[in-house]
PDB file of N, CA and C in Angstrom:
ATOM      1  N   UNK A   1       0.952  -1.219   0.116  1.00  0.00           N
ATOM      2  CA  UNK A   1      -0.006   0.023  -0.096  1.00  0.00           C
ATOM      3  C   UNK A   1       0.806   1.299   0.070  1.00  0.00           C
ATOM      4  N   UNK A   2       1.955   1.314   0.741  1.00  0.00           N
ATOM      5  CA  UNK A   2       2.823   2.513   0.782  1.00  0.00           C
ATOM      6  C   UNK A   2       3.594   2.508  -0.458  1.00  0.00           C
ATOM      7  N   UNK A   3       3.981   1.379  -1.023  1.00  0.00           N
ATOM      8  CA  UNK A   3       4.566   1.449  -2.325  1.00  0.00           C
ATOM      9  C   UNK A   3       3.852   2.016  -3.519  1.00  0.00           C
ATOM     10  N   UNK A   4       2.431   1.778  -3.490  1.00  0.00           N
ATOM     11  CA  UNK A   4       1.476   2.205  -4.299  1.00  0.00           C
ATOM     12  C   UNK A   4       1.366   3.755  -4.377  1.00  0.00           C
ATOM     13  N   UNK A   5       1.121   3.975  -2.956  1.00  0.00           N
ATOM     14  CA  UNK A   5       0.882   5.697  -3.016  1.00  0.00           C
ATOM     15  C   UNK A   5       2.151   6.391  -3.321  1.00  0.00           C
ATOM     16  N   UNK A   6       3.459   5.920  -2.972  1.00  0.00           N
ATOM     17  CA  UNK A   6       4.577   6.483  -3.296  1.00  0.00           C
ATOM     18  C   UNK A   6       4.845   6.394  -4.805  1.00  0.00           C
ATOM     19  N   UNK A   7       4.309   5.380  -5.684  1.00  0.00           N
ATOM     20  CA  UNK A   7       4.481   5.509  -6.989  1.00  0.00           C
ATOM     21  C   UNK A   7       3.531   6.576  -7.791  1.00  0.00           C
ATOM     22  N   UNK A   8       2.273   6.692  -6.819  1.00  0.00           N
ATOM     23  CA  UNK A   8       1.539   7.612  -7.479  1.00  0.00           C
ATOM     24  C   UNK A   8       1.948   9.135  -7.111  1.00  0.00           C
ATOM     25  N   UNK A   9       2.575   9.509  -6.118  1.00  0.00           N
ATOM     26  CA  UNK A   9       3.187  10.717  -5.916  1.00  0.00           C
ATOM     27  C   UNK A   9       4.331  10.823  -6.532  1.00  0.00           C
ATOM     28  N   UNK A  10       5.019   9.794  -7.104  1.00  0.00           N
ATOM     29  CA  UNK A  10       6.185   9.975  -7.916  1.00  0.00           C
ATOM     30  C   UNK A  10       5.591  10.290  -9.375  1.00  0.00           C
ATOM     31  N   UNK A  11       4.639   9.603  -9.780  1.00  0.00           N
ATOM     32  CA  UNK A  11       3.997   9.743 -11.035  1.00  0.00           C
ATOM     33  C   UNK A  11       3.470  11.293 -11.045  1.00  0.00           C
ATOM     34  N   UNK A  12       2.645  11.880 -10.280  1.00  0.00           N
ATOM     35  CA  UNK A  12       2.069  13.092 -10.067  1.00  0.00           C
ATOM     36  C   UNK A  12       3.087  13.909 -10.124  1.00  0.00           C
ATOM     37  N   UNK A  13       4.104  14.034  -9.444  1.00  0.00           N
ATOM     38  CA  UNK A  13       5.409  14.900  -9.394  1.00  0.00           C
ATOM     39  C   UNK A  13       6.153  15.028 -10.656  1.00  0.00           C
ATOM     40  N   UNK A  14       6.189  13.783 -11.338  1.00  0.00           N
ATOM     41  CA  UNK A  14       6.844  13.506 -12.745  1.00  0.00           C
ATOM     42  C   UNK A  14       6.052  14.508 -13.732  1.00  0.00           C
ATOM     43  N   UNK A  15       4.737  14.438 -13.678  1.00  0.00           N
ATOM     44  CA  UNK A  15       3.855  14.990 -14.544  1.00  0.00           C
ATOM     45  C   UNK A  15       4.035  16.630 -14.341  1.00  0.00           C
ATOM     46  N   UNK A  16       3.983  16.800 -13.163  1.00  0.00           N
ATOM     47  CA  UNK A  16       4.229  18.479 -12.849  1.00  0.00           C
ATOM     48  C   UNK A  16       5.282  18.984 -13.161  1.00  0.00           C
ATOM     49  N   UNK A  17       6.416  18.186 -13.070  1.00  0.00           N
ATOM     50  CA  UNK A  17       7.782  18.780 -13.313  1.00  0.00           C
ATOM     51  C   UNK A  17       7.862  18.690 -14.977  1.00  0.00           C
ATOM     52  N   UNK A  18       7.354  17.836 -15.758  1.00  0.00           N
ATOM     53  CA  UNK A  18       7.323  17.833 -17.085  1.00  0.00           C
ATOM     54  C   UNK A  18       6.418  19.031 -17.769  1.00  0.00           C
ATOM     55  N   UNK A  19       5.284  19.309 -17.041  1.00  0.00           N
ATOM     56  CA  UNK A  19       4.522  20.489 -17.479  1.00  0.00           C
ATOM     57  C   UNK A  19       5.228  21.646 -17.172  1.00  0.00           C
ATOM     58  N   UNK A  20       5.848  21.941 -15.834  1.00  0.00           N
ATOM     59  CA  UNK A  20       6.681  23.115 -15.626  1.00  0.00           C
ATOM     60  C   UNK A  20       7.715  23.282 -16.647  1.00  0.00           C
ATOM     61  N   UNK A  21       8.382  22.265 -17.171  1.00  0.00           N
ATOM     62  CA  UNK A  21       9.362  22.357 -17.759  1.00  0.00           C
ATOM     63  C   UNK A  21       9.152  22.747 -19.359  1.00  0.00           C
ATOM     64  N   UNK A  22       7.843  22.289 -19.797  1.00  0.00           N
ATOM     65  CA  UNK A  22       7.310  22.584 -21.097  1.00  0.00           C
ATOM     66  C   UNK A  22       7.061  23.975 -21.193  1.00  0.00           C
ATOM     67  N   UNK A  23       6.296  24.474 -20.068  1.00  0.00           N
ATOM     68  CA  UNK A  23       5.862  25.832 -19.942  1.00  0.00           C
ATOM     69  C   UNK A  23       7.146  26.939 -20.099  1.00  0.00           C
ATOM     70  N   UNK A  24       8.240  26.380 -19.157  1.00  0.00           N
ATOM     71  CA  UNK A  24       9.487  27.391 -19.115  1.00  0.00           C
ATOM     72  C   UNK A  24      10.041  27.352 -20.669  1.00  0.00           C
ATOM     73  N   UNK A  25      10.140  26.206 -21.221  1.00  0.00           N
ATOM     74  CA  UNK A  25      10.711  26.236 -22.492  1.00  0.00           C
ATOM     75  C   UNK A  25      10.107  27.055 -23.417  1.00  0.00           C
ATOM     76  N   UNK A  26       8.719  26.910 -23.519  1.00  0.00           N
ATOM     77  CA  UNK A  26       7.783  27.627 -24.452  1.00  0.00           C
ATOM     78  C   UNK A  26       7.886  29.114 -24.181  1.00  0.00           C
ATOM     79  N   UNK A  27       8.071  29.475 -22.863  1.00  0.00           N
ATOM     80  CA  UNK A  27       8.136  31.095 -22.444  1.00  0.00           C
ATOM     81  C   UNK A  27       9.464  31.635 -23.010  1.00  0.00           C
ATOM     82  N   UNK A  28      10.472  30.669 -22.735  1.00  0.00           N
ATOM     83  CA  UNK A  28      11.838  31.140 -23.299  1.00  0.00           C
ATOM     84  C   UNK A  28      12.012  31.191 -24.679  1.00  0.00           C
ATOM     85  N   UNK A  29      11.401  30.250 -25.387  1.00  0.00           N
ATOM     86  CA  UNK A  29      11.338  30.334 -26.779  1.00  0.00           C
ATOM     87  C   UNK A  29      10.709  31.565 -27.275  1.00  0.00           C
ATOM     88  N   UNK A  30       9.681  31.747 -26.801  1.00  0.00           N
ATOM     89  CA  UNK A  30       8.723  32.917 -27.225  1.00  0.00           C
ATOM     90  C   UNK A  30       9.484  34.196 -26.860  1.00  0.00           C
ATOM     91  N   UNK A  31      10.145  34.338 -25.906  1.00  0.00           N
ATOM     92  CA  UNK A  31      10.956  35.536 -25.481  1.00  0.00           C
ATOM     93  C   UNK A  31      12.063  35.730 -26.409  1.00  0.00           C
ATOM     94  N   UNK A  32      12.709  34.695 -26.720  1.00  0.00           N
ATOM     95  CA  UNK A  32      13.871  34.844 -27.527  1.00  0.00           C
ATOM     96  C   UNK A  32      13.581  35.249 -28.918  1.00  0.00           C
ATOM     97  N   UNK A  33      12.427  34.508 -29.488  1.00  0.00           N
ATOM     98  CA  UNK A  33      11.742  34.932 -30.711  1.00  0.00           C
ATOM     99  C   UNK A  33      11.425  36.337 -30.753  1.00  0.00           C
ATOM    100  N   UNK A  34      10.889  36.635 -29.757  1.00  0.00           N
ATOM    101  CA  UNK A  34      10.467  38.375 -29.811  1.00  0.00           C
ATOM    102  C   UNK A  34      11.698  39.166 -29.896  1.00  0.00           C
ATOM    103  N   UNK A  35      12.443  38.744 -28.840  1.00  0.00           N
ATOM    104  CA  UNK A  35      13.790  39.618 -28.780  1.00  0.00           C
ATOM    105  C   UNK A  35      14.605  39.531 -30.205  1.00  0.00           C
ATOM    106  N   UNK A  36      14.597  38.330 -30.921  1.00  0.00           N
ATOM    107  CA  UNK A  36      15.419  38.415 -32.045  1.00  0.00           C
ATOM    108  C   UNK A  36      14.607  39.255 -33.006  1.00  0.00           C
ATOM    109  N   UNK A  37      13.387  39.141 -33.149  1.00  0.00           N
ATOM    110  CA  UNK A  37      12.440  39.804 -34.205  1.00  0.00           C
ATOM    111  C   UNK A  37      12.664  41.250 -34.047  1.00  0.00           C
ATOM    112  N   UNK A  38      12.576  41.666 -32.716  1.00  0.00           N
ATOM    113  CA  UNK A  38      12.664  43.153 -32.376  1.00  0.00           C
ATOM    114  C   UNK A  38      13.983  43.695 -32.833  1.00  0.00           C
ATOM    115  N   UNK A  39      15.153  42.807 -32.756  1.00  0.00           N
ATOM    116  CA  UNK A  39      16.374  43.340 -32.782  1.00  0.00           C
ATOM    117  C   UNK A  39      16.597  43.480 -34.257  1.00  0.00           C
ATOM    118  N   UNK A  40      16.273  42.551 -35.038  1.00  0.00           N
ATOM    119  CA  UNK A  40      16.263  42.533 -36.560  1.00  0.00           C
ATOM    120  C   UNK A  40      15.487  43.896 -37.179  1.00  0.00           C
ATOM    121  N   UNK A  41      14.350  44.063 -36.403  1.00  0.00           N
ATOM    122  CA  UNK A  41      13.490  45.150 -37.082  1.00  0.00           C
ATOM    123  C   UNK A  41      14.292  46.511 -36.677  1.00  0.00           C
ATOM    124  N   UNK A  42      14.854  46.696 -35.571  1.00  0.00           N
ATOM    125  CA  UNK A  42      15.403  47.876 -35.087  1.00  0.00           C
ATOM    126  C   UNK A  42      16.465  47.919 -36.026  1.00  0.00           C
ATOM    127  N   UNK A  43      17.303  47.097 -36.152  1.00  0.00           N
ATOM    128  CA  UNK A  43      18.451  47.161 -36.986  1.00  0.00           C
ATOM    129  C   UNK A  43      18.320  47.464 -38.486  1.00  0.00           C
ATOM    130  N   UNK A  44      17.267  47.069 -38.926  1.00  0.00           N
ATOM    131  CA  UNK A  44      16.822  47.331 -40.189  1.00  0.00           C
ATOM    132  C   UNK A  44      16.354  48.818 -40.450  1.00  0.00           C
ATOM    133  N   UNK A  45      15.700  49.390 -39.325  1.00  0.00           N
ATOM    134  CA  UNK A  45      15.010  50.689 -39.617  1.00  0.00           C
ATOM    135  C   UNK A  45      16.198  51.514 -39.263  1.00  0.00           C
ATOM    136  N   UNK A  46      17.243  51.401 -38.324  1.00  0.00           N
ATOM    137  CA  UNK A  46      18.231  52.241 -38.014  1.00  0.00           C
ATOM    138  C   UNK A  46      19.377  52.332 -39.323  1.00  0.00           C
ATOM    139  N   UNK A  47      19.496  51.314 -39.756  1.00  0.00           N
ATOM    140  CA  UNK A  47      20.303  51.341 -40.987  1.00  0.00           C
ATOM    141  C   UNK A  47      19.836  52.095 -42.217  1.00  0.00           C
ATOM    142  N   UNK A  48      18.382  51.843 -42.413  1.00  0.00           N
ATOM    143  CA  UNK A  48      17.793  52.677 -43.403  1.00  0.00           C
ATOM    144  C   UNK A  48      17.731  54.086 -43.181  1.00  0.00           C
ATOM    145  N   UNK A  49      17.547  54.507 -41.963  1.00  0.00           N
ATOM    146  CA  UNK A  49      17.607  55.967 -41.562  1.00  0.00           C
ATOM    147  C   UNK A  49      19.110  56.441 -41.606  1.00  0.00           C
ATOM    148  N   UNK A  50      20.060  55.788 -41.403  1.00  0.00           N
ATOM    149  CA  UNK A  50      21.318  56.233 -41.361  1.00  0.00           C
ATOM    150  C   UNK A  50      21.656  56.511 -42.814  1.00  0.00           C
ATOM    151  N   UNK A  51      21.368  55.519 -43.781  1.00  0.00           N
ATOM    152  CA  UNK A  51      21.817  55.763 -45.114  1.00  0.00           C
ATOM    153  C   UNK A  51      21.118  57.007 -45.643  1.00  0.00           C
ATOM    154  N   UNK A  52      19.536  57.287 -45.545  1.00  0.00           N
ATOM    155  CA  UNK A  52      19.103  58.456 -45.865  1.00  0.00           C
ATOM    156  C   UNK A  52      19.874  59.685 -45.161  1.00  0.00           C
ATOM    157  N   UNK A  53      20.246  59.487 -44.232  1.00  0.00           N
ATOM    158  CA  UNK A  53      20.923  60.915 -43.533  1.00  0.00           C
ATOM    159  C   UNK A  53      22.257  60.847 -44.265  1.00  0.00           C
ATOM    160  N   UNK A  54      22.957  59.923 -44.536  1.00  0.00           N
ATOM    161  CA  UNK A  54      24.275  60.004 -45.076  1.00  0.00           C
ATOM    162  C   UNK A  54      23.923  60.734 -46.549  1.00  0.00           C
ATOM    163  N   UNK A  55      23.020  60.069 -47.345  1.00  0.00           N
ATOM    164  CA  UNK A  55      22.803  60.885 -48.543  1.00  0.00           C
ATOM    165  C   UNK A  55      22.554  62.279 -48.383  1.00  0.00           C
ATOM    166  N   UNK A  56      21.875  62.490 -47.481  1.00  0.00           N
ATOM    167  CA  UNK A  56      21.389  64.174 -47.357  1.00  0.00           C
ATOM    168  C   UNK A  56      22.426  64.786 -47.145  1.00  0.00           C
ATOM    169  N   UNK A  57      23.261  64.308 -46.323  1.00  0.00           N
ATOM    170  CA  UNK A  57      24.542  65.053 -45.742  1.00  0.00           C
ATOM    171  C   UNK A  57      25.499  65.375 -47.063  1.00  0.00           C
ATOM    172  N   UNK A  58      25.639  64.234 -47.803  1.00  0.00           N
ATOM    173  CA  UNK A  58      26.388  64.391 -49.036  1.00  0.00           C
ATOM    174  C   UNK A  58      25.838  65.259 -49.958  1.00  0.00           C
ATOM    175  N   UNK A  59      24.592  65.915 -50.047  1.00  0.00           N
ATOM    176  CA  UNK A  59      23.975  66.693 -50.719  1.00  0.00           C
ATOM    177  C   UNK A  59      24.247  68.115 -50.175  1.00  0.00           C
ATOM    178  N   UNK A  60      24.609  68.121 -49.005  1.00  0.00           N
ATOM    179  CA  UNK A  60      24.857  69.561 -48.289  1.00  0.00           C
ATOM    180  C   UNK A  60      23.657  69.720 -47.223  1.00  0.00           C
ATOM    181  N   UNK A  61      22.837  69.029 -47.036  1.00  0.00           N
ATOM    182  CA  UNK A  61      21.775  69.092 -46.189  1.00  0.00           C
ATOM    183  C   UNK A  61      22.157  68.944 -44.762  1.00  0.00           C
ATOM    184  N   UNK A  62      21.725  69.874 -43.646  1.00  0.00           N
ATOM    185  CA  UNK A  62      22.186  69.405 -42.358  1.00  0.00           C
ATOM    186  C   UNK A  62      20.990  68.972 -41.644  1.00  0.00           C
ATOM    187  N   UNK A  63      19.783  69.153 -41.839  1.00  0.00           N
ATOM    188  CA  UNK A  63      18.625  68.840 -41.085  1.00  0.00           C
ATOM    189  C   UNK A  63      18.749  67.137 -40.877  1.00  0.00           C
ATOM    190  N   UNK A  64      18.864  66.263 -41.769  1.00  0.00           N
ATOM    191  CA  UNK A  64      18.953  64.941 -41.379  1.00  0.00           C
ATOM    192  C   UNK A  64      19.703  64.484 -40.084  1.00  0.00           C
ATOM    193  N   UNK A  65      20.757  65.241 -40.057  1.00  0.00           N
ATOM    194  CA  UNK A  65      21.713  64.722 -38.906  1.00  0.00           C
ATOM    195  C   UNK A  65      20.784  64.825 -37.626  1.00  0.00           C
ATOM    196  N   UNK A  66      20.129  65.956 -37.611  1.00  0.00           N
ATOM    197  CA  UNK A  66      19.361  66.095 -36.240  1.00  0.00           C
ATOM    198  C   UNK A  66      18.232  65.057 -36.326  1.00  0.00           C
ATOM    199  N   UNK A  67      17.732  64.719 -37.516  1.00  0.00           N
ATOM    200  CA  UNK A  67      16.685  63.531 -37.403  1.00  0.00           C
ATOM    201  C   UNK A  67      17.233  62.283 -36.954  1.00  0.00           C
ATOM    202  N   UNK A  68      18.489  61.973 -37.393  1.00  0.00           N
ATOM    203  CA  UNK A  68      19.198  60.965 -36.938  1.00  0.00           C
ATOM    204  C   UNK A  68      19.235  60.583 -35.366  1.00  0.00           C
ATOM    205  N   UNK A  69      19.620  62.047 -34.929  1.00  0.00           N
ATOM    206  CA  UNK A  69      19.849  62.316 -33.416  1.00  0.00           C
ATOM    207  C   UNK A  69      18.799  61.825 -32.761  1.00  0.00           C
ATOM    208  N   UNK A  70      17.505  62.319 -33.244  1.00  0.00           N
ATOM    209  CA  UNK A  70      16.181  62.022 -32.744  1.00  0.00           C
ATOM    210  C   UNK A  70      15.889  60.482 -32.699  1.00  0.00           C
ATOM    211  N   UNK A  71      16.268  59.941 -33.883  1.00  0.00           N
ATOM    212  CA  UNK A  71      15.884  58.695 -34.067  1.00  0.00           C
ATOM    213  C   UNK A  71      16.878  57.707 -33.064  1.00  0.00           C
ATOM    214  N   UNK A  72      18.103  58.314 -32.837  1.00  0.00           N
ATOM    215  CA  UNK A  72      18.793  57.367 -31.880  1.00  0.00           C
ATOM    216  C   UNK A  72      18.497  57.397 -30.460  1.00  0.00           C
ATOM    217  N   UNK A  73      17.876  58.671 -30.144  1.00  0.00           N
ATOM    218  CA  UNK A  73      17.122  58.902 -28.906  1.00  0.00           C
ATOM    219  C   UNK A  73      15.834  57.815 -28.811  1.00  0.00           C
ATOM    220  N   UNK A  74      15.366  57.682 -29.777  1.00  0.00           N
ATOM    221  CA  UNK A  74      13.997  57.020 -29.569  1.00  0.00           C
ATOM    222  C   UNK A  74      14.562  55.332 -29.463  1.00  0.00           C
ATOM    223  N   UNK A  75      15.680  55.108 -30.305  1.00  0.00           N
ATOM    224  CA  UNK A  75      15.818  53.625 -30.219  1.00  0.00           C
ATOM    225  C   UNK A  75      16.692  53.152 -28.860  1.00  0.00           C
ATOM    226  N   UNK A  76      17.199  54.168 -28.150  1.00  0.00           N
ATOM    227  CA  UNK A  76      18.270  53.995 -27.033  1.00  0.00           C
ATOM    228  C   UNK A  76      17.416  53.229 -25.873  1.00  0.00           C
ATOM    229  N   UNK A  77      16.157  53.448 -25.488  1.00  0.00           N
ATOM    230  CA  UNK A  77      15.396  52.511 -24.716  1.00  0.00           C
ATOM    231  C   UNK A  77      15.069  51.356 -25.232  1.00  0.00           C
ATOM    232  N   UNK A  78      14.829  51.119 -26.492  1.00  0.00           N
ATOM    233  CA  UNK A  78      14.531  49.742 -26.959  1.00  0.00           C
ATOM    234  C   UNK A  78      15.674  49.066 -27.033  1.00  0.00           C
ATOM    235  N   UNK A  79      16.885  49.568 -27.006  1.00  0.00           N
ATOM    236  CA  UNK A  79      18.134  48.867 -27.251  1.00  0.00           C
ATOM    237  C   UNK A  79      18.383  48.324 -25.663  1.00  0.00           C
ATOM    238  N   UNK A  80      18.088  49.144 -24.761  1.00  0.00           N
ATOM    239  CA  UNK A  80      18.326  48.834 -23.398  1.00  0.00           C
ATOM    240  C   UNK A  80      17.360  47.690 -22.865  1.00  0.00           C
ATOM    241  N   UNK A  81      16.237  47.639 -23.599  1.00  0.00           N
ATOM    242  CA  UNK A  81      15.253  46.627 -23.096  1.00  0.00           C
ATOM    243  C   UNK A  81      15.779  45.205 -23.936  1.00  0.00           C
ATOM    244  N   UNK A  82      16.360  45.396 -24.884  1.00  0.00           N
ATOM    245  CA  UNK A  82      16.676  44.040 -25.665  1.00  0.00           C
ATOM    246  C   UNK A  82      17.987  43.542 -24.860  1.00  0.00           C
ATOM    247  N   UNK A  83      18.732  44.563 -24.382  1.00  0.00           N
ATOM    248  CA  UNK A  83      19.929  44.178 -23.628  1.00  0.00           C
ATOM    249  C   UNK A  83      19.664  43.477 -22.373  1.00  0.00           C
ATOM    250  N   UNK A  84      18.539  43.931 -21.724  1.00  0.00           N
ATOM    251  CA  UNK A  84      18.008  43.248 -20.406  1.00  0.00           C
ATOM    252  C   UNK A  84      17.351  42.018 -20.755  1.00  0.00           C
ATOM    253  N   UNK A  85      16.803  41.675 -21.752  1.00  0.00           N
ATOM    254  CA  UNK A  85      16.144  40.377 -22.012  1.00  0.00           C
ATOM    255  C   UNK A  85      17.320  39.602 -22.470  1.00  0.00           C
ATOM    256  N   UNK A  86      18.295  40.099 -23.004  1.00  0.00           N
ATOM    257  CA  UNK A  86      19.499  39.095 -23.667  1.00  0.00           C
ATOM    258  C   UNK A  86      20.156  38.650 -22.101  1.00  0.00           C
ATOM    259  N   UNK A  87      20.339  39.625 -21.250  1.00  0.00           N
ATOM    260  CA  UNK A  87      21.006  39.302 -19.918  1.00  0.00           C
ATOM    261  C   UNK A  87      20.242  38.304 -19.219  1.00  0.00           C
ATOM    262  N   UNK A  88      18.786  38.429 -19.138  1.00  0.00           N
ATOM    263  CA  UNK A  88      17.950  37.283 -18.702  1.00  0.00           C
ATOM    264  C   UNK A  88      18.136  35.971 -19.272  1.00  0.00           C
ATOM    265  N   UNK A  89      18.192  35.786 -20.660  1.00  0.00           N
ATOM    266  CA  UNK A  89      18.263  34.875 -21.363  1.00  0.00           C
ATOM    267  C   UNK A  89      19.537  33.941 -21.155  1.00  0.00           C
ATOM    268  N   UNK A  90      20.847  34.783 -20.924  1.00  0.00           N
ATOM    269  CA  UNK A  90      22.177  34.288 -20.690  1.00  0.00           C
ATOM    270  C   UNK A  90      22.188  33.897 -19.332  1.00  0.00           C
TER     271      UNK A  90
END
């Protein structure tokens, strides 16, 4: 009787551990995917804006440099969030 009860407890514990592990893996995977997607999106946007600013500067315009500075200021908090998520995943 004690052995049967111990086996039931062990089975229940094994199922609980398995479920918890699965949920943790899924959440980690989702976070990683979101982090990667955000990082690629930010990188593409910043590269595109930097090339527009560079072309405008070559034509003698100075306003795009200010625009680029504003975009960098907007991107800084996003970069910090990405770095925080990366630190948690490592």
